[in-house]
Amino acid sequence: MPADKNEFRHESIQDRDTIRHLLKAITKGVDKGELSFQDEDGEILLRPQGLLNLKLTASREDGRNRLTLRITWQEEIETAKRKRSLKAG
């Protein structure tokens, strides 16, 4: 069975205010259960559900600072597929 793969990637230089607005939009999307990302190169729609895994790392080395925020979750499998029963004949 082929795995679905859809990826969105964006990198740009922004000021703190723009980053703050983006983080607020992401927070609202998590609250709503729907995250939509789009730029001129592509788009993706994600629907966070259930328990979410959060990984937060921060580092500072030689004047270079980094903050990484990663949120992951597993999509729920349809109930009918999960509850299949095995019958022996």
PDB file of N, CA and C in Angstrom:
ATOM      1  N   MET A   1       0.849  -1.174   0.000  1.00  0.00           N
ATOM      2  CA  MET A   1       0.000   0.000   0.000  1.00  0.00           C
ATOM      3  C   MET A   1       0.895   1.238   0.000  1.00  0.00           C
ATOM      4  N   PRO A   2       0.733   2.141  -0.960  1.00  0.00           N
ATOM      5  CA  PRO A   2       1.578   3.331  -1.005  1.00  0.00           C
ATOM      6  C   PRO A   2       1.237   4.296   0.123  1.00  0.00           C
ATOM      7  N   ALA A   3       2.235   4.892   0.708  1.00  0.00           N
ATOM      8  CA  ALA A   3       2.023   5.876   1.771  1.00  0.00           C
ATOM      9  C   ALA A   3       1.747   7.235   1.151  1.00  0.00           C
ATOM     10  N   ASP A   4       0.821   7.973   1.752  1.00  0.00           N
ATOM     11  CA  ASP A   4       0.549   9.335   1.309  1.00  0.00           C
ATOM     12  C   ASP A   4       1.670  10.227   1.821  1.00  0.00           C
ATOM     13  N   LYS A   5       2.214  11.048   0.927  1.00  0.00           N
ATOM     14  CA  LYS A   5       3.235  11.995   1.359  1.00  0.00           C
ATOM     15  C   LYS A   5       2.940  13.326   0.706  1.00  0.00           C
ATOM     16  N   ASN A   6       2.827  14.312   1.529  1.00  0.00           N
ATOM     17  CA  ASN A   6       2.575  15.657   1.071  1.00  0.00           C
ATOM     18  C   ASN A   6       3.392  16.560   1.972  1.00  0.00           C
ATOM     19  N   GLU A   7       4.244  17.386   1.405  1.00  0.00           N
ATOM     20  CA  GLU A   7       5.154  18.191   2.207  1.00  0.00           C
ATOM     21  C   GLU A   7       5.082  19.650   1.802  1.00  0.00           C
ATOM     22  N   PHE A   8       5.170  20.508   2.800  1.00  0.00           N
ATOM     23  CA  PHE A   8       5.226  21.950   2.590  1.00  0.00           C
ATOM     24  C   PHE A   8       6.464  22.452   3.310  1.00  0.00           C
ATOM     25  N   ARG A   9       7.231  23.293   2.655  1.00  0.00           N
ATOM     26  CA  ARG A   9       8.432  23.838   3.273  1.00  0.00           C
ATOM     27  C   ARG A   9       8.537  25.311   2.882  1.00  0.00           C
ATOM     28  N   HIS A  10       8.825  26.141   3.862  1.00  0.00           N
ATOM     29  CA  HIS A  10       8.973  27.576   3.606  1.00  0.00           C
ATOM     30  C   HIS A  10      10.089  28.114   4.487  1.00  0.00           C
ATOM     31  N   GLU A  11      10.923  28.958   3.917  1.00  0.00           N
ATOM     32  CA  GLU A  11      11.977  29.618   4.684  1.00  0.00           C
ATOM     33  C   GLU A  11      12.067  31.055   4.213  1.00  0.00           C
ATOM     34  N   SER A  12      12.109  31.972   5.160  1.00  0.00           N
ATOM     35  CA  SER A  12      12.228  33.386   4.819  1.00  0.00           C
ATOM     36  C   SER A  12      12.761  34.149   6.021  1.00  0.00           C
ATOM     37  N   ILE A  13      13.145  35.380   5.799  1.00  0.00           N
ATOM     38  CA  ILE A  13      13.597  36.257   6.874  1.00  0.00           C
ATOM     39  C   ILE A  13      12.437  37.177   7.220  1.00  0.00           C
ATOM     40  N   GLN A  14      12.075  37.203   8.504  1.00  0.00           N
ATOM     41  CA  GLN A  14      10.939  37.999   8.975  1.00  0.00           C
ATOM     42  C   GLN A  14      11.343  38.751  10.242  1.00  0.00           C
ATOM     43  N   ASP A  15      10.608  39.801  10.566  1.00  0.00           N
ATOM     44  CA  ASP A  15      10.853  40.496  11.823  1.00  0.00           C
ATOM     45  C   ASP A  15      10.067  39.822  12.956  1.00  0.00           C
ATOM     46  N   ARG A  16      10.350  40.214  14.189  1.00  0.00           N
ATOM     47  CA  ARG A  16       9.703  39.585  15.356  1.00  0.00           C
ATOM     48  C   ARG A  16       8.184  39.706  15.317  1.00  0.00           C
ATOM     49  N   ASP A  17       7.693  40.847  14.882  1.00  0.00           N
ATOM     50  CA  ASP A  17       6.242  41.056  14.849  1.00  0.00           C
ATOM     51  C   ASP A  17       5.573  40.078  13.883  1.00  0.00           C
ATOM     52  N   THR A  18       6.163  39.877  12.724  1.00  0.00           N
ATOM     53  CA  THR A  18       5.615  38.939  11.748  1.00  0.00           C
ATOM     54  C   THR A  18       5.654  37.518  12.292  1.00  0.00           C
ATOM     55  N   ILE A  19       6.747  37.143  12.964  1.00  0.00           N
ATOM     56  CA  ILE A  19       6.854  35.817  13.576  1.00  0.00           C
ATOM     57  C   ILE A  19       5.780  35.646  14.645  1.00  0.00           C
ATOM     58  N   ARG A  20       5.557  36.681  15.446  1.00  0.00           N
ATOM     59  CA  ARG A  20       4.514  36.629  16.488  1.00  0.00           C
ATOM     60  C   ARG A  20       3.143  36.386  15.872  1.00  0.00           C
ATOM     61  N   HIS A  21       2.831  37.072  14.783  1.00  0.00           N
ATOM     62  CA  HIS A  21       1.538  36.889  14.109  1.00  0.00           C
ATOM     63  C   HIS A  21       1.416  35.474  13.540  1.00  0.00           C
ATOM     64  N   LEU A  22       2.497  34.962  12.999  1.00  0.00           N
ATOM     65  CA  LEU A  22       2.488  33.605  12.464  1.00  0.00           C
ATOM     66  C   LEU A  22       2.253  32.576  13.576  1.00  0.00           C
ATOM     67  N   LEU A  23       2.929  32.751  14.706  1.00  0.00           N
ATOM     68  CA  LEU A  23       2.733  31.825  15.831  1.00  0.00           C
ATOM     69  C   LEU A  23       1.302  31.898  16.377  1.00  0.00           C
ATOM     70  N   LYS A  24       0.726  33.099  16.399  1.00  0.00           N
ATOM     71  CA  LYS A  24      -0.674  33.239  16.822  1.00  0.00           C
ATOM     72  C   LYS A  24      -1.604  32.496  15.863  1.00  0.00           C
ATOM     73  N   ALA A  25      -1.346  32.598  14.570  1.00  0.00           N
ATOM     74  CA  ALA A  25      -2.166  31.904  13.574  1.00  0.00           C
ATOM     75  C   ALA A  25      -2.044  30.389  13.739  1.00  0.00           C
ATOM     76  N   ILE A  26      -0.847  29.914  14.023  1.00  0.00           N
ATOM     77  CA  ILE A  26      -0.657  28.476  14.251  1.00  0.00           C
ATOM     78  C   ILE A  26      -1.424  28.045  15.504  1.00  0.00           C
ATOM     79  N   THR A  27      -1.362  28.846  16.558  1.00  0.00           N
ATOM     80  CA  THR A  27      -2.097  28.543  17.791  1.00  0.00           C
ATOM     81  C   THR A  27      -3.603  28.464  17.525  1.00  0.00           C
ATOM     82  N   LYS A  28      -4.119  29.413  16.767  1.00  0.00           N
ATOM     83  CA  LYS A  28      -5.550  29.390  16.425  1.00  0.00           C
ATOM     84  C   LYS A  28      -5.893  28.158  15.605  1.00  0.00           C
ATOM     85  N   GLY A  29      -5.010  27.772  14.684  1.00  0.00           N
ATOM     86  CA  GLY A  29      -5.235  26.579  13.877  1.00  0.00           C
ATOM     87  C   GLY A  29      -5.257  25.312  14.706  1.00  0.00           C
ATOM     88  N   VAL A  30      -4.364  25.212  15.690  1.00  0.00           N
ATOM     89  CA  VAL A  30      -4.369  24.053  16.589  1.00  0.00           C
ATOM     90  C   VAL A  30      -5.670  24.028  17.380  1.00  0.00           C
ATOM     91  N   ASP A  31      -6.095  25.179  17.902  1.00  0.00           N
ATOM     92  CA  ASP A  31      -7.371  25.266  18.625  1.00  0.00           C
ATOM     93  C   ASP A  31      -8.540  24.818  17.759  1.00  0.00           C
ATOM     94  N   LYS A  32      -8.529  25.249  16.521  1.00  0.00           N
ATOM     95  CA  LYS A  32      -9.610  24.948  15.575  1.00  0.00           C
ATOM     96  C   LYS A  32      -9.544  23.505  15.062  1.00  0.00           C
ATOM     97  N   GLY A  33      -8.345  22.905  15.112  1.00  0.00           N
ATOM     98  CA  GLY A  33      -8.170  21.550  14.592  1.00  0.00           C
ATOM     99  C   GLY A  33      -7.877  21.527  13.105  1.00  0.00           C
ATOM    100  N   GLU A  34      -7.392  22.650  12.587  1.00  0.00           N
ATOM    101  CA  GLU A  34      -7.091  22.726  11.161  1.00  0.00           C
ATOM    102  C   GLU A  34      -5.981  23.750  10.930  1.00  0.00           C
ATOM    103  N   LEU A  35      -4.876  23.276  10.353  1.00  0.00           N
ATOM    104  CA  LEU A  35      -3.746  24.141  10.029  1.00  0.00           C
ATOM    105  C   LEU A  35      -3.576  24.167   8.521  1.00  0.00           C
ATOM    106  N   SER A  36      -3.585  25.357   7.956  1.00  0.00           N
ATOM    107  CA  SER A  36      -3.425  25.507   6.522  1.00  0.00           C
ATOM    108  C   SER A  36      -2.182  26.353   6.258  1.00  0.00           C
ATOM    109  N   PHE A  37      -1.257  25.804   5.452  1.00  0.00           N
ATOM    110  CA  PHE A  37      -0.040  26.518   5.092  1.00  0.00           C
ATOM    111  C   PHE A  37       0.008  26.649   3.580  1.00  0.00           C
ATOM    112  N   GLN A  38       0.362  27.850   3.116  1.00  0.00           N
ATOM    113  CA  GLN A  38       0.350  28.091   1.678  1.00  0.00           C
ATOM    114  C   GLN A  38       1.342  29.194   1.332  1.00  0.00           C
ATOM    115  N   ASP A  39       2.075  28.989   0.244  1.00  0.00           N
ATOM    116  CA  ASP A  39       2.882  30.049  -0.351  1.00  0.00           C
ATOM    117  C   ASP A  39       2.887  29.825  -1.863  1.00  0.00           C
ATOM    118  N   GLU A  40       3.701  30.566  -2.578  1.00  0.00           N
ATOM    119  CA  GLU A  40       3.684  30.460  -4.037  1.00  0.00           C
ATOM    120  C   GLU A  40       4.179  29.104  -4.544  1.00  0.00           C
ATOM    121  N   ASP A  41       4.858  28.340  -3.687  1.00  0.00           N
ATOM    122  CA  ASP A  41       5.391  27.046  -4.107  1.00  0.00           C
ATOM    123  C   ASP A  41       4.513  25.845  -3.744  1.00  0.00           C
ATOM    124  N   GLY A  42       3.531  26.039  -2.896  1.00  0.00           N
ATOM    125  CA  GLY A  42       2.690  24.903  -2.529  1.00  0.00           C
ATOM    126  C   GLY A  42       1.800  25.196  -1.343  1.00  0.00           C
ATOM    127  N   GLU A  43       1.055  24.161  -0.961  1.00  0.00           N
ATOM    128  CA  GLU A  43       0.151  24.283   0.182  1.00  0.00           C
ATOM    129  C   GLU A  43      -0.090  22.914   0.796  1.00  0.00           C
ATOM    130  N   ILE A  44      -0.531  22.936   2.080  1.00  0.00           N
ATOM    131  CA  ILE A  44      -0.863  21.708   2.785  1.00  0.00           C
ATOM    132  C   ILE A  44      -1.908  22.034   3.852  1.00  0.00           C
ATOM    133  N   LEU A  45      -2.792  21.093   4.106  1.00  0.00           N
ATOM    134  CA  LEU A  45      -3.804  21.225   5.146  1.00  0.00           C
ATOM    135  C   LEU A  45      -3.595  20.081   6.129  1.00  0.00           C
ATOM    136  N   LEU A  46      -3.418  20.426   7.392  1.00  0.00           N
ATOM    137  CA  LEU A  46      -3.217  19.441   8.452  1.00  0.00           C
ATOM    138  C   LEU A  46      -4.344  19.554   9.464  1.00  0.00           C
ATOM    139  N   ARG A  47      -4.748  18.423  10.026  1.00  0.00           N
ATOM    140  CA  ARG A  47      -5.820  18.406  11.021  1.00  0.00           C
ATOM    141  C   ARG A  47      -5.327  17.728  12.297  1.00  0.00           C
ATOM    142  N   PRO A  48      -4.742  18.507  13.217  1.00  0.00           N
ATOM    143  CA  PRO A  48      -4.261  17.913  14.462  1.00  0.00           C
ATOM    144  C   PRO A  48      -5.418  17.355  15.285  1.00  0.00           C
ATOM    145  N   GLN A  49      -5.200  16.153  15.826  1.00  0.00           N
ATOM    146  CA  GLN A  49      -6.248  15.493  16.603  1.00  0.00           C
ATOM    147  C   GLN A  49      -5.612  14.612  17.659  1.00  0.00           C
ATOM    148  N   GLY A  50      -6.380  14.300  18.680  1.00  0.00           N
ATOM    149  CA  GLY A  50      -5.887  13.422  19.734  1.00  0.00           C
ATOM    150  C   GLY A  50      -4.729  14.044  20.487  1.00  0.00           C
ATOM    151  N   LEU A  51      -3.848  13.186  20.984  1.00  0.00           N
ATOM    152  CA  LEU A  51      -2.679  13.662  21.710  1.00  0.00           C
ATOM    153  C   LEU A  51      -1.595  14.077  20.722  1.00  0.00           C
ATOM    154  N   LEU A  52      -0.972  15.211  20.998  1.00  0.00           N
ATOM    155  CA  LEU A  52       0.074  15.752  20.134  1.00  0.00           C
ATOM    156  C   LEU A  52       1.413  15.634  20.855  1.00  0.00           C
ATOM    157  N   ASN A  53       2.443  15.280  20.119  1.00  0.00           N
ATOM    158  CA  ASN A  53       3.787  15.190  20.673  1.00  0.00           C
ATOM    159  C   ASN A  53       4.503  16.523  20.420  1.00  0.00           C
ATOM    160  N   LEU A  54       5.051  17.124  21.465  1.00  0.00           N
ATOM    161  CA  LEU A  54       5.734  18.414  21.373  1.00  0.00           C
ATOM    162  C   LEU A  54       7.217  18.220  21.656  1.00  0.00           C
ATOM    163  N   LYS A  55       8.061  18.745  20.779  1.00  0.00           N
ATOM    164  CA  LYS A  55       9.501  18.757  21.008  1.00  0.00           C
ATOM    165  C   LYS A  55       9.979  20.193  20.849  1.00  0.00           C
ATOM    166  N   LEU A  56      10.599  20.714  21.875  1.00  0.00           N
ATOM    167  CA  LEU A  56      11.082  22.089  21.880  1.00  0.00           C
ATOM    168  C   LEU A  56      12.562  22.070  22.241  1.00  0.00           C
ATOM    169  N   THR A  57      13.392  22.650  21.393  1.00  0.00           N
ATOM    170  CA  THR A  57      14.816  22.753  21.685  1.00  0.00           C
ATOM    171  C   THR A  57      15.265  24.190  21.478  1.00  0.00           C
ATOM    172  N   ALA A  58      16.204  24.614  22.302  1.00  0.00           N
ATOM    173  CA  ALA A  58      16.779  25.956  22.185  1.00  0.00           C
ATOM    174  C   ALA A  58      18.280  25.839  22.380  1.00  0.00           C
ATOM    175  N   SER A  59      19.030  26.608  21.589  1.00  0.00           N
ATOM    176  CA  SER A  59      20.491  26.566  21.722  1.00  0.00           C
ATOM    177  C   SER A  59      21.091  27.921  21.358  1.00  0.00           C
ATOM    178  N   ARG A  60      22.295  28.144  21.896  1.00  0.00           N
ATOM    179  CA  ARG A  60      23.047  29.358  21.576  1.00  0.00           C
ATOM    180  C   ARG A  60      24.509  28.948  21.476  1.00  0.00           C
ATOM    181  N   GLU A  61      25.134  29.242  20.342  1.00  0.00           N
ATOM    182  CA  GLU A  61      26.536  28.893  20.148  1.00  0.00           C
ATOM    183  C   GLU A  61      27.192  29.914  19.225  1.00  0.00           C
ATOM    184  N   ASP A  62      28.249  30.502  19.679  1.00  0.00           N
ATOM    185  CA  ASP A  62      29.024  31.462  18.889  1.00  0.00           C
ATOM    186  C   ASP A  62      28.163  32.560  18.272  1.00  0.00           C
ATOM    187  N   GLY A  63      27.238  33.099  19.068  1.00  0.00           N
ATOM    188  CA  GLY A  63      26.400  34.186  18.588  1.00  0.00           C
ATOM    189  C   GLY A  63      25.228  33.751  17.725  1.00  0.00           C
ATOM    190  N   ARG A  64      25.125  32.468  17.442  1.00  0.00           N
ATOM    191  CA  ARG A  64      24.009  31.959  16.636  1.00  0.00           C
ATOM    192  C   ARG A  64      22.986  31.319  17.575  1.00  0.00           C
ATOM    193  N   ASN A  65      21.752  31.769  17.489  1.00  0.00           N
ATOM    194  CA  ASN A  65      20.680  31.281  18.358  1.00  0.00           C
ATOM    195  C   ASN A  65      19.685  30.490  17.538  1.00  0.00           C
ATOM    196  N   ARG A  66      19.122  29.461  18.156  1.00  0.00           N
ATOM    197  CA  ARG A  66      18.157  28.627  17.445  1.00  0.00           C
ATOM    198  C   ARG A  66      17.058  28.186  18.403  1.00  0.00           C
ATOM    199  N   LEU A  67      15.828  28.264  17.917  1.00  0.00           N
ATOM    200  CA  LEU A  67      14.656  27.740  18.611  1.00  0.00           C
ATOM    201  C   LEU A  67      13.930  26.834  17.628  1.00  0.00           C
ATOM    202  N   THR A  68      13.740  25.594  18.003  1.00  0.00           N
ATOM    203  CA  THR A  68      13.049  24.647  17.133  1.00  0.00           C
ATOM    204  C   THR A  68      11.820  24.138  17.862  1.00  0.00           C
ATOM    205  N   LEU A  69      10.686  24.219  17.206  1.00  0.00           N
ATOM    206  CA  LEU A  69       9.423  23.748  17.745  1.00  0.00           C
ATOM    207  C   LEU A  69       8.871  22.711  16.783  1.00  0.00           C
ATOM    208  N   ARG A  70       8.632  21.494  17.284  1.00  0.00           N
ATOM    209  CA  ARG A  70       8.097  20.434  16.431  1.00  0.00           C
ATOM    210  C   ARG A  70       6.884  19.824  17.124  1.00  0.00           C
ATOM    211  N   ILE A  71       5.791  19.752  16.394  1.00  0.00           N
ATOM    212  CA  ILE A  71       4.555  19.147  16.884  1.00  0.00           C
ATOM    213  C   ILE A  71       4.197  18.021  15.929  1.00  0.00           C
ATOM    214  N   THR A  72       4.009  16.831  16.460  1.00  0.00           N
ATOM    215  CA  THR A  72       3.647  15.691  15.620  1.00  0.00           C
ATOM    216  C   THR A  72       2.446  14.982  16.227  1.00  0.00           C
ATOM    217  N   TRP A  73       1.705  14.278  15.376  1.00  0.00           N
ATOM    218  CA  TRP A  73       0.583  13.460  15.819  1.00  0.00           C
ATOM    219  C   TRP A  73       0.330  12.391  14.778  1.00  0.00           C
ATOM    220  N   GLN A  74      -0.373  11.384  15.190  1.00  0.00           N
ATOM    221  CA  GLN A  74      -0.719  10.280  14.305  1.00  0.00           C
ATOM    222  C   GLN A  74      -2.169  10.446  13.879  1.00  0.00           C
ATOM    223  N   GLU A  75      -2.433  10.301  12.598  1.00  0.00           N
ATOM    224  CA  GLU A  75      -3.814  10.364  12.131  1.00  0.00           C
ATOM    225  C   GLU A  75      -4.559   9.123  12.590  1.00  0.00           C
ATOM    226  N   GLU A  76      -5.802   9.316  12.992  1.00  0.00           N
ATOM    227  CA  GLU A  76      -6.614   8.189  13.424  1.00  0.00           C
ATOM    228  C   GLU A  76      -7.020   7.361  12.216  1.00  0.00           C
ATOM    229  N   ILE A  77      -6.936   6.060  12.365  1.00  0.00           N
ATOM    230  CA  ILE A  77      -7.372   5.139  11.320  1.00  0.00           C
ATOM    231  C   ILE A  77      -8.882   4.995  11.457  1.00  0.00           C
ATOM    232  N   GLU A  78      -9.559   4.908  10.328  1.00  0.00           N
ATOM    233  CA  GLU A  78     -11.013   4.769  10.361  1.00  0.00           C
ATOM    234  C   GLU A  78     -11.415   3.596  11.246  1.00  0.00           C
ATOM    235  N   THR A  79     -12.464   3.776  12.023  1.00  0.00           N
ATOM    236  CA  THR A  79     -12.928   2.767  12.962  1.00  0.00           C
ATOM    237  C   THR A  79     -13.181   1.435  12.279  1.00  0.00           C
ATOM    238  N   ALA A  80     -13.759   1.442  11.103  1.00  0.00           N
ATOM    239  CA  ALA A  80     -14.074   0.186  10.406  1.00  0.00           C
ATOM    240  C   ALA A  80     -12.802  -0.595  10.092  1.00  0.00           C
ATOM    241  N   LYS A  81     -11.742   0.088   9.733  1.00  0.00           N
ATOM    242  CA  LYS A  81     -10.485  -0.586   9.417  1.00  0.00           C
ATOM    243  C   LYS A  81      -9.820  -1.129  10.676  1.00  0.00           C
ATOM    244  N   ARG A  82      -9.934  -0.420  11.799  1.00  0.00           N
ATOM    245  CA  ARG A  82      -9.299  -0.845  13.039  1.00  0.00           C
ATOM    246  C   ARG A  82      -9.990  -2.048  13.645  1.00  0.00           C
ATOM    247  N   LYS A  83     -11.290  -2.173  13.458  1.00  0.00           N
ATOM    248  CA  LYS A  83     -12.060  -3.208  14.123  1.00  0.00           C
ATOM    249  C   LYS A  83     -12.300  -4.433  13.267  1.00  0.00           C
ATOM    250  N   ARG A  84     -11.470  -4.669  12.293  1.00  0.00           N
ATOM    251  CA  ARG A  84     -11.594  -5.871  11.480  1.00  0.00           C
ATOM    252  C   ARG A  84     -11.347  -7.090  12.354  1.00  0.00           C
ATOM    253  N   SER A  85     -12.105  -8.113  12.112  1.00  0.00           N
ATOM    254  CA  SER A  85     -11.883  -9.338  12.862  1.00  0.00           C
ATOM    255  C   SER A  85     -11.309 -10.407  11.952  1.00  0.00           C
ATOM    256  N   LEU A  86     -10.534 -11.284  12.516  1.00  0.00           N
ATOM    257  CA  LEU A  86      -9.895 -12.363  11.786  1.00  0.00           C
ATOM    258  C   LEU A  86     -10.710 -13.624  12.008  1.00  0.00           C
ATOM    259  N   LYS A  87     -11.069 -14.277  10.919  1.00  0.00           N
ATOM    260  CA  LYS A  87     -11.836 -15.517  11.006  1.00  0.00           C
ATOM    261  C   LYS A  87     -11.037 -16.649  10.383  1.00  0.00           C
ATOM    262  N   ALA A  88     -10.984 -17.745  11.078  1.00  0.00           N
ATOM    263  CA  ALA A  88     -10.298 -18.919  10.544  1.00  0.00           C
ATOM    264  C   ALA A  88     -11.326 -19.903  10.062  1.00  0.00           C
ATOM    265  N   GLY A  89     -11.026 -20.562   8.967  1.00  0.00           N
ATOM    266  CA  GLY A  89     -12.026 -21.469   8.407  1.00  0.00           C
ATOM    267  C   GLY A  89     -11.657 -22.899   8.420  1.00  0.00           C
TER     268      GLY A  89
END
